[in-house]
Amino acid sequence: MKAYHLKFSQQLPINLAEAWDFFSSPMNLAKITPTEMAFEVTSEPQLREKMYPGMIITYKVSPLLGIKLNWMTEITQVKDQEYFIDEQRFGPYQFWHHQHHFTAIEGGVEMNDILTYGMPMGIFGQMANGLFVAAQLQQIFEFRKKKVIELFGDYSTTGI
């Protein structure tokens, strides 16, 4: 399996507690995911609890041609207000490991995502990644970046 690595960084003009509360709540995922992906959290009752290692989250998502897929991730590690890691247990990827890091900075928070993933179906999965999957992931994180600015403001315009 070939592993792919993506990194994304964004600074937010909110405090660490606000950032953590928003991004560590699975119920907010749909708010920062493109609507055309029809992202829906399906394990809602348990998600009212505080995130913890071992938490299982299930979703429905349409990443391609409106085809609905089931996706299950597990929160494998949590360090309050510092980081959490989600890993796919079942879904569209052969492998998915997503680190979410939060660091207090002057006037806000820096959020860093480190994503490592692998595609199923050998050479066909590698071709799919090159043709559209990697670009789609970039677009999803770009959408998230814009949506987060809409929700919390633009760090670059706060005068810091």
N, C-alpha and C. Protein backbone atom coordinates (compact mmCIF):
# COMPACT_ATOMS: atom_id res chain seq x y z
N MET A 1 0.83 -1.18 0.00
CA MET A 1 0.00 0.00 0.00
C MET A 1 0.88 1.25 0.00
N LYS A 2 0.56 2.17 -0.85
CA LYS A 2 1.24 3.46 -0.88
C LYS A 2 0.54 4.40 0.10
N ALA A 3 1.30 5.06 0.94
CA ALA A 3 0.75 6.02 1.90
C ALA A 3 0.91 7.43 1.35
N TYR A 4 -0.12 8.24 1.54
CA TYR A 4 -0.11 9.64 1.12
C TYR A 4 -0.17 10.50 2.36
N HIS A 5 0.47 11.66 2.30
CA HIS A 5 0.55 12.55 3.46
C HIS A 5 0.13 13.96 3.04
N LEU A 6 -0.75 14.55 3.83
CA LEU A 6 -1.17 15.93 3.61
C LEU A 6 -1.08 16.67 4.94
N LYS A 7 -0.71 17.95 4.87
CA LYS A 7 -0.66 18.80 6.07
C LYS A 7 -1.40 20.09 5.77
N PHE A 8 -2.15 20.54 6.76
CA PHE A 8 -2.91 21.77 6.64
C PHE A 8 -2.74 22.56 7.93
N SER A 9 -2.65 23.88 7.80
CA SER A 9 -2.47 24.74 8.96
C SER A 9 -3.38 25.95 8.82
N GLN A 10 -3.94 26.39 9.94
CA GLN A 10 -4.79 27.57 9.93
C GLN A 10 -4.71 28.23 11.30
N GLN A 11 -4.66 29.56 11.28
CA GLN A 11 -4.67 30.33 12.53
C GLN A 11 -6.06 30.93 12.70
N LEU A 12 -6.54 30.89 13.94
CA LEU A 12 -7.89 31.34 14.26
C LEU A 12 -7.84 32.41 15.34
N PRO A 13 -8.69 33.45 15.23
CA PRO A 13 -8.70 34.51 16.24
C PRO A 13 -9.62 34.19 17.42
N ILE A 14 -9.53 32.97 17.93
CA ILE A 14 -10.32 32.56 19.09
C ILE A 14 -9.38 31.88 20.08
N ASN A 15 -9.86 31.72 21.32
CA ASN A 15 -8.97 31.10 22.30
C ASN A 15 -8.97 29.58 22.16
N LEU A 16 -8.03 28.96 22.83
CA LEU A 16 -7.82 27.53 22.73
C LEU A 16 -9.06 26.74 23.15
N ALA A 17 -9.71 27.16 24.23
CA ALA A 17 -10.89 26.45 24.71
C ALA A 17 -12.01 26.47 23.67
N GLU A 18 -12.23 27.62 23.04
CA GLU A 18 -13.27 27.72 21.99
C GLU A 18 -12.95 26.81 20.81
N ALA A 19 -11.70 26.85 20.37
CA ALA A 19 -11.30 26.02 19.23
C ALA A 19 -11.48 24.55 19.58
N TRP A 20 -11.01 24.15 20.74
CA TRP A 20 -11.12 22.76 21.15
C TRP A 20 -12.58 22.31 21.23
N ASP A 21 -13.42 23.14 21.86
CA ASP A 21 -14.83 22.77 22.00
C ASP A 21 -15.49 22.56 20.64
N PHE A 22 -15.18 23.41 19.68
CA PHE A 22 -15.80 23.29 18.37
C PHE A 22 -15.26 22.08 17.60
N PHE A 23 -13.96 21.99 17.46
CA PHE A 23 -13.37 20.96 16.59
C PHE A 23 -13.36 19.56 17.20
N SER A 24 -13.45 19.46 18.51
CA SER A 24 -13.47 18.13 19.12
C SER A 24 -14.90 17.59 19.24
N SER A 25 -15.87 18.33 18.74
CA SER A 25 -17.25 17.85 18.75
C SER A 25 -17.62 17.29 17.37
N PRO A 26 -17.84 15.99 17.26
CA PRO A 26 -18.22 15.41 15.96
C PRO A 26 -19.49 16.03 15.39
N MET A 27 -20.33 16.59 16.25
CA MET A 27 -21.57 17.18 15.77
C MET A 27 -21.32 18.41 14.90
N ASN A 28 -20.11 18.98 14.95
CA ASN A 28 -19.80 20.15 14.13
C ASN A 28 -19.18 19.79 12.79
N LEU A 29 -18.90 18.51 12.55
CA LEU A 29 -18.25 18.11 11.30
C LEU A 29 -19.04 18.53 10.06
N ALA A 30 -20.34 18.33 10.08
CA ALA A 30 -21.15 18.67 8.90
C ALA A 30 -21.09 20.17 8.59
N LYS A 31 -20.89 21.00 9.61
CA LYS A 31 -20.82 22.45 9.41
C LYS A 31 -19.60 22.88 8.61
N ILE A 32 -18.55 22.06 8.61
CA ILE A 32 -17.30 22.44 7.94
C ILE A 32 -16.95 21.49 6.79
N THR A 33 -17.96 20.76 6.31
CA THR A 33 -17.79 19.83 5.19
C THR A 33 -18.65 20.32 4.03
N PRO A 34 -18.14 20.29 2.81
CA PRO A 34 -18.93 20.75 1.66
C PRO A 34 -20.30 20.06 1.59
N THR A 35 -21.34 20.84 1.34
CA THR A 35 -22.70 20.31 1.34
C THR A 35 -22.91 19.23 0.29
N GLU A 36 -22.21 19.33 -0.85
CA GLU A 36 -22.38 18.32 -1.91
C GLU A 36 -21.91 16.93 -1.48
N MET A 37 -21.18 16.84 -0.37
CA MET A 37 -20.75 15.54 0.13
C MET A 37 -21.83 14.87 0.99
N ALA A 38 -22.93 15.59 1.26
CA ALA A 38 -24.05 15.05 2.03
C ALA A 38 -23.57 14.34 3.30
N PHE A 39 -22.68 14.98 4.02
CA PHE A 39 -22.07 14.41 5.22
C PHE A 39 -23.09 14.37 6.35
N GLU A 40 -23.25 13.21 6.95
CA GLU A 40 -24.22 13.04 8.03
C GLU A 40 -23.64 12.14 9.11
N VAL A 41 -23.59 12.65 10.34
CA VAL A 41 -23.17 11.83 11.47
C VAL A 41 -24.36 10.95 11.84
N THR A 42 -24.15 9.64 11.93
CA THR A 42 -25.25 8.72 12.22
C THR A 42 -25.20 8.13 13.62
N SER A 43 -24.16 8.43 14.39
CA SER A 43 -24.04 7.88 15.75
C SER A 43 -24.31 8.96 16.79
N GLU A 44 -25.26 9.81 16.52
CA GLU A 44 -25.54 11.02 17.29
C GLU A 44 -25.71 10.86 18.80
N PRO A 45 -26.47 9.91 19.32
CA PRO A 45 -26.70 9.92 20.78
C PRO A 45 -25.43 9.91 21.62
N GLN A 46 -24.45 9.09 21.29
CA GLN A 46 -23.22 9.01 22.08
C GLN A 46 -22.38 10.28 21.93
N LEU A 47 -22.57 11.03 20.85
CA LEU A 47 -21.68 12.14 20.56
C LEU A 47 -21.95 13.38 21.41
N ARG A 48 -22.93 13.32 22.26
CA ARG A 48 -23.17 14.44 23.17
C ARG A 48 -22.17 14.39 24.33
N GLU A 49 -21.48 13.26 24.45
CA GLU A 49 -20.46 13.11 25.49
C GLU A 49 -19.18 13.80 25.06
N LYS A 50 -18.32 14.05 26.04
CA LYS A 50 -17.00 14.58 25.74
C LYS A 50 -16.20 13.51 24.99
N MET A 51 -15.41 13.94 24.00
CA MET A 51 -14.60 13.02 23.21
C MET A 51 -13.64 12.25 24.11
N TYR A 52 -13.46 10.97 23.80
CA TYR A 52 -12.57 10.13 24.60
C TYR A 52 -11.93 9.07 23.70
N PRO A 53 -10.76 8.55 24.09
CA PRO A 53 -10.14 7.47 23.32
C PRO A 53 -11.07 6.26 23.29
N GLY A 54 -11.25 5.70 22.12
CA GLY A 54 -12.15 4.57 21.95
C GLY A 54 -13.52 4.96 21.44
N MET A 55 -13.83 6.26 21.40
CA MET A 55 -15.12 6.71 20.89
C MET A 55 -15.23 6.32 19.41
N ILE A 56 -16.34 5.70 19.07
CA ILE A 56 -16.63 5.32 17.68
C ILE A 56 -17.64 6.31 17.12
N ILE A 57 -17.35 6.80 15.92
CA ILE A 57 -18.24 7.75 15.25
C ILE A 57 -18.58 7.17 13.88
N THR A 58 -19.87 7.12 13.56
CA THR A 58 -20.29 6.64 12.25
C THR A 58 -20.90 7.78 11.45
N TYR A 59 -20.71 7.70 10.13
CA TYR A 59 -21.18 8.74 9.22
C TYR A 59 -21.72 8.11 7.96
N LYS A 60 -22.44 8.92 7.21
CA LYS A 60 -22.73 8.65 5.81
C LYS A 60 -22.14 9.82 5.05
N VAL A 61 -21.51 9.53 3.92
CA VAL A 61 -20.87 10.57 3.13
C VAL A 61 -20.93 10.17 1.66
N SER A 62 -21.05 11.18 0.79
CA SER A 62 -21.09 10.95 -0.66
C SER A 62 -19.89 11.63 -1.31
N PRO A 63 -18.74 10.96 -1.32
CA PRO A 63 -17.54 11.60 -1.86
C PRO A 63 -17.51 11.65 -3.39
N LEU A 64 -18.30 10.81 -4.05
CA LEU A 64 -18.20 10.72 -5.50
C LEU A 64 -19.55 10.35 -6.12
N LEU A 65 -19.99 11.15 -7.08
CA LEU A 65 -21.18 10.88 -7.88
C LEU A 65 -22.44 10.65 -7.05
N GLY A 66 -22.52 11.25 -5.87
CA GLY A 66 -23.70 11.11 -5.03
C GLY A 66 -23.90 9.73 -4.41
N ILE A 67 -22.90 8.87 -4.52
CA ILE A 67 -22.99 7.52 -3.96
C ILE A 67 -22.74 7.60 -2.45
N LYS A 68 -23.74 7.19 -1.66
CA LYS A 68 -23.62 7.23 -0.20
C LYS A 68 -22.77 6.07 0.30
N LEU A 69 -21.79 6.40 1.13
CA LEU A 69 -20.93 5.39 1.74
C LEU A 69 -21.03 5.49 3.26
N ASN A 70 -20.91 4.36 3.92
CA ASN A 70 -20.81 4.35 5.38
C ASN A 70 -19.35 4.50 5.76
N TRP A 71 -19.11 5.25 6.82
CA TRP A 71 -17.74 5.48 7.28
C TRP A 71 -17.75 5.38 8.81
N MET A 72 -16.78 4.69 9.36
CA MET A 72 -16.65 4.57 10.81
C MET A 72 -15.23 4.94 11.21
N THR A 73 -15.12 5.87 12.15
CA THR A 73 -13.81 6.22 12.68
C THR A 73 -13.80 6.01 14.18
N GLU A 74 -12.60 5.84 14.70
CA GLU A 74 -12.40 5.72 16.14
C GLU A 74 -11.47 6.84 16.58
N ILE A 75 -11.83 7.50 17.67
CA ILE A 75 -10.92 8.46 18.30
C ILE A 75 -9.94 7.61 19.10
N THR A 76 -8.69 7.59 18.66
CA THR A 76 -7.72 6.69 19.30
C THR A 76 -6.90 7.37 20.38
N GLN A 77 -6.70 8.68 20.26
CA GLN A 77 -5.93 9.41 21.27
C GLN A 77 -6.54 10.80 21.47
N VAL A 78 -6.53 11.25 22.71
CA VAL A 78 -7.00 12.60 23.05
C VAL A 78 -6.11 13.16 24.13
N LYS A 79 -5.61 14.35 23.94
CA LYS A 79 -4.96 15.12 25.00
C LYS A 79 -5.69 16.45 25.01
N ASP A 80 -6.47 16.68 26.06
CA ASP A 80 -7.38 17.82 26.14
C ASP A 80 -6.71 19.13 25.75
N GLN A 81 -7.34 19.81 24.83
CA GLN A 81 -6.91 21.12 24.32
C GLN A 81 -5.52 21.10 23.67
N GLU A 82 -5.04 19.92 23.28
CA GLU A 82 -3.77 19.82 22.55
C GLU A 82 -3.93 19.08 21.23
N TYR A 83 -4.48 17.85 21.29
CA TYR A 83 -4.64 17.10 20.04
C TYR A 83 -5.63 15.96 20.23
N PHE A 84 -6.14 15.50 19.10
CA PHE A 84 -6.84 14.22 19.06
C PHE A 84 -6.55 13.57 17.72
N ILE A 85 -6.71 12.26 17.68
CA ILE A 85 -6.42 11.49 16.48
C ILE A 85 -7.63 10.62 16.17
N ASP A 86 -8.07 10.68 14.90
CA ASP A 86 -9.11 9.75 14.47
C ASP A 86 -8.54 8.82 13.41
N GLU A 87 -8.98 7.56 13.48
CA GLU A 87 -8.54 6.54 12.53
C GLU A 87 -9.76 5.82 11.98
N GLN A 88 -9.75 5.59 10.67
CA GLN A 88 -10.85 4.87 10.04
C GLN A 88 -10.83 3.40 10.47
N ARG A 89 -12.01 2.91 10.83
CA ARG A 89 -12.18 1.48 11.10
C ARG A 89 -12.89 0.79 9.93
N PHE A 90 -13.74 1.53 9.24
CA PHE A 90 -14.45 1.02 8.07
C PHE A 90 -14.79 2.22 7.20
N GLY A 91 -14.58 2.12 5.90
CA GLY A 91 -14.93 3.23 5.03
C GLY A 91 -14.22 3.19 3.69
N PRO A 92 -14.16 4.35 3.04
CA PRO A 92 -13.69 4.40 1.66
C PRO A 92 -12.18 4.25 1.48
N TYR A 93 -11.41 4.39 2.53
CA TYR A 93 -9.95 4.32 2.41
C TYR A 93 -9.45 2.98 2.93
N GLN A 94 -8.29 2.57 2.45
CA GLN A 94 -7.66 1.38 3.03
C GLN A 94 -7.10 1.72 4.40
N PHE A 95 -6.65 2.96 4.54
CA PHE A 95 -6.03 3.43 5.78
C PHE A 95 -6.32 4.92 5.91
N TRP A 96 -6.62 5.37 7.14
CA TRP A 96 -6.88 6.79 7.40
C TRP A 96 -6.42 7.09 8.81
N HIS A 97 -5.49 8.00 8.97
CA HIS A 97 -4.97 8.41 10.27
C HIS A 97 -4.89 9.93 10.23
N HIS A 98 -5.72 10.61 11.03
CA HIS A 98 -5.85 12.06 10.97
C HIS A 98 -5.57 12.66 12.35
N GLN A 99 -4.47 13.40 12.42
CA GLN A 99 -4.08 14.09 13.65
C GLN A 99 -4.59 15.53 13.59
N HIS A 100 -5.19 15.99 14.70
CA HIS A 100 -5.69 17.36 14.83
C HIS A 100 -4.93 17.99 16.00
N HIS A 101 -4.09 18.99 15.73
CA HIS A 101 -3.28 19.63 16.78
C HIS A 101 -3.71 21.08 16.96
N PHE A 102 -3.71 21.54 18.21
CA PHE A 102 -4.11 22.90 18.56
C PHE A 102 -3.05 23.51 19.46
N THR A 103 -2.59 24.73 19.11
CA THR A 103 -1.57 25.42 19.89
C THR A 103 -1.99 26.86 20.09
N ALA A 104 -1.95 27.32 21.34
CA ALA A 104 -2.24 28.73 21.61
C ALA A 104 -1.12 29.59 21.03
N ILE A 105 -1.50 30.65 20.34
CA ILE A 105 -0.56 31.63 19.80
C ILE A 105 -1.06 33.01 20.21
N GLU A 106 -0.25 34.01 20.00
CA GLU A 106 -0.67 35.37 20.35
C GLU A 106 -1.94 35.73 19.58
N GLY A 107 -2.99 36.04 20.32
CA GLY A 107 -4.24 36.46 19.71
C GLY A 107 -5.10 35.34 19.15
N GLY A 108 -4.77 34.09 19.45
CA GLY A 108 -5.60 33.02 18.92
C GLY A 108 -5.02 31.63 19.06
N VAL A 109 -5.30 30.83 18.06
CA VAL A 109 -4.92 29.41 18.05
C VAL A 109 -4.41 29.04 16.67
N GLU A 110 -3.38 28.20 16.66
CA GLU A 110 -2.96 27.60 15.39
C GLU A 110 -3.43 26.15 15.40
N MET A 111 -4.10 25.80 14.32
CA MET A 111 -4.63 24.45 14.17
C MET A 111 -3.84 23.78 13.05
N ASN A 112 -3.32 22.59 13.32
CA ASN A 112 -2.57 21.83 12.32
C ASN A 112 -3.18 20.44 12.17
N ASP A 113 -3.43 20.07 10.93
CA ASP A 113 -3.92 18.74 10.61
C ASP A 113 -2.83 17.99 9.87
N ILE A 114 -2.60 16.76 10.28
CA ILE A 114 -1.66 15.87 9.59
C ILE A 114 -2.46 14.63 9.21
N LEU A 115 -2.60 14.41 7.92
CA LEU A 115 -3.41 13.31 7.41
C LEU A 115 -2.52 12.33 6.66
N THR A 116 -2.60 11.08 7.05
CA THR A 116 -1.94 9.99 6.33
C THR A 116 -3.04 9.02 5.91
N TYR A 117 -3.07 8.70 4.62
CA TYR A 117 -4.12 7.80 4.14
C TYR A 117 -3.58 6.89 3.05
N GLY A 118 -4.29 5.81 2.82
CA GLY A 118 -3.96 4.88 1.76
C GLY A 118 -5.22 4.51 1.01
N MET A 119 -5.07 4.22 -0.26
CA MET A 119 -6.20 3.89 -1.11
C MET A 119 -6.34 2.37 -1.27
N PRO A 120 -7.58 1.88 -1.36
CA PRO A 120 -7.78 0.46 -1.65
C PRO A 120 -7.56 0.18 -3.14
N MET A 121 -7.61 -1.04 -3.51
CA MET A 121 -7.59 -1.49 -4.91
C MET A 121 -6.26 -1.29 -5.63
N GLY A 122 -5.15 -1.33 -4.88
CA GLY A 122 -3.82 -1.33 -5.49
C GLY A 122 -3.58 -0.21 -6.49
N ILE A 123 -3.15 -0.57 -7.69
CA ILE A 123 -2.80 0.41 -8.71
C ILE A 123 -4.00 1.26 -9.11
N PHE A 124 -5.21 0.68 -9.07
CA PHE A 124 -6.41 1.44 -9.42
C PHE A 124 -6.69 2.52 -8.38
N GLY A 125 -6.46 2.19 -7.12
CA GLY A 125 -6.59 3.19 -6.06
C GLY A 125 -5.56 4.29 -6.19
N GLN A 126 -4.33 3.92 -6.55
CA GLN A 126 -3.29 4.93 -6.77
C GLN A 126 -3.66 5.85 -7.93
N MET A 127 -4.22 5.26 -8.99
CA MET A 127 -4.66 6.08 -10.12
C MET A 127 -5.80 7.02 -9.70
N ALA A 128 -6.76 6.49 -8.93
CA ALA A 128 -7.87 7.31 -8.46
C ALA A 128 -7.36 8.46 -7.60
N ASN A 129 -6.36 8.17 -6.75
CA ASN A 129 -5.79 9.23 -5.93
C ASN A 129 -5.19 10.32 -6.80
N GLY A 130 -4.43 9.94 -7.81
CA GLY A 130 -3.82 10.91 -8.70
C GLY A 130 -4.83 11.67 -9.54
N LEU A 131 -5.91 11.01 -9.93
CA LEU A 131 -6.91 11.65 -10.79
C LEU A 131 -7.85 12.57 -10.03
N PHE A 132 -8.29 12.17 -8.82
CA PHE A 132 -9.27 13.02 -8.15
C PHE A 132 -9.27 12.98 -6.63
N VAL A 133 -8.85 11.92 -5.97
CA VAL A 133 -8.97 11.83 -4.51
C VAL A 133 -8.12 12.88 -3.81
N ALA A 134 -6.84 13.00 -4.17
CA ALA A 134 -5.96 13.98 -3.51
C ALA A 134 -6.49 15.40 -3.72
N ALA A 135 -6.95 15.69 -4.94
CA ALA A 135 -7.49 17.03 -5.22
C ALA A 135 -8.77 17.27 -4.42
N GLN A 136 -9.60 16.24 -4.29
CA GLN A 136 -10.83 16.39 -3.52
C GLN A 136 -10.53 16.64 -2.04
N LEU A 137 -9.55 15.94 -1.49
CA LEU A 137 -9.17 16.19 -0.10
C LEU A 137 -8.66 17.62 0.07
N GLN A 138 -7.85 18.10 -0.86
CA GLN A 138 -7.39 19.50 -0.81
C GLN A 138 -8.59 20.45 -0.82
N GLN A 139 -9.58 20.18 -1.68
CA GLN A 139 -10.77 21.03 -1.77
C GLN A 139 -11.58 21.00 -0.48
N ILE A 140 -11.68 19.83 0.14
CA ILE A 140 -12.42 19.72 1.40
C ILE A 140 -11.76 20.57 2.47
N PHE A 141 -10.44 20.51 2.58
CA PHE A 141 -9.75 21.31 3.59
C PHE A 141 -9.77 22.79 3.24
N GLU A 142 -9.77 23.14 1.97
CA GLU A 142 -9.90 24.54 1.56
C GLU A 142 -11.29 25.06 1.91
N PHE A 143 -12.32 24.25 1.68
CA PHE A 143 -13.68 24.61 2.07
C PHE A 143 -13.73 24.83 3.58
N ARG A 144 -13.14 23.91 4.33
CA ARG A 144 -13.14 24.03 5.78
C ARG A 144 -12.48 25.32 6.22
N LYS A 145 -11.35 25.66 5.59
CA LYS A 145 -10.64 26.88 5.95
C LYS A 145 -11.53 28.11 5.77
N LYS A 146 -12.23 28.18 4.64
CA LYS A 146 -13.13 29.31 4.37
C LYS A 146 -14.30 29.32 5.34
N LYS A 147 -14.86 28.16 5.61
CA LYS A 147 -16.00 28.07 6.52
C LYS A 147 -15.60 28.48 7.94
N VAL A 148 -14.42 28.08 8.37
CA VAL A 148 -13.94 28.44 9.70
C VAL A 148 -13.75 29.96 9.81
N ILE A 149 -13.28 30.59 8.74
CA ILE A 149 -13.17 32.06 8.73
C ILE A 149 -14.55 32.69 8.85
N GLU A 150 -15.55 32.13 8.14
CA GLU A 150 -16.92 32.64 8.26
C GLU A 150 -17.43 32.51 9.70
N LEU A 151 -17.13 31.41 10.34
CA LEU A 151 -17.63 31.15 11.69
C LEU A 151 -16.91 31.94 12.77
N PHE A 152 -15.59 32.09 12.64
CA PHE A 152 -14.79 32.65 13.73
C PHE A 152 -14.03 33.92 13.39
N GLY A 153 -14.01 34.30 12.12
CA GLY A 153 -13.25 35.47 11.71
C GLY A 153 -11.89 35.08 11.15
N ASP A 154 -11.24 36.07 10.56
CA ASP A 154 -9.96 35.85 9.89
C ASP A 154 -8.83 36.34 10.79
N TYR A 155 -7.98 35.43 11.20
CA TYR A 155 -6.85 35.77 12.07
C TYR A 155 -5.98 36.86 11.45
N SER A 156 -5.80 36.82 10.14
CA SER A 156 -4.90 37.78 9.47
C SER A 156 -5.43 39.20 9.50
N THR A 157 -6.71 39.39 9.81
CA THR A 157 -7.27 40.75 9.85
C THR A 157 -7.47 41.25 11.28
N THR A 158 -6.97 40.52 12.26
CA THR A 158 -7.16 40.93 13.65
C THR A 158 -6.11 41.91 14.13
N GLY A 159 -5.15 42.24 13.27
CA GLY A 159 -4.14 43.24 13.62
C GLY A 159 -3.00 42.71 14.45
N ILE A 160 -2.83 41.42 14.51
CA ILE A 160 -1.75 40.83 15.32
C ILE A 160 -0.59 40.48 14.42
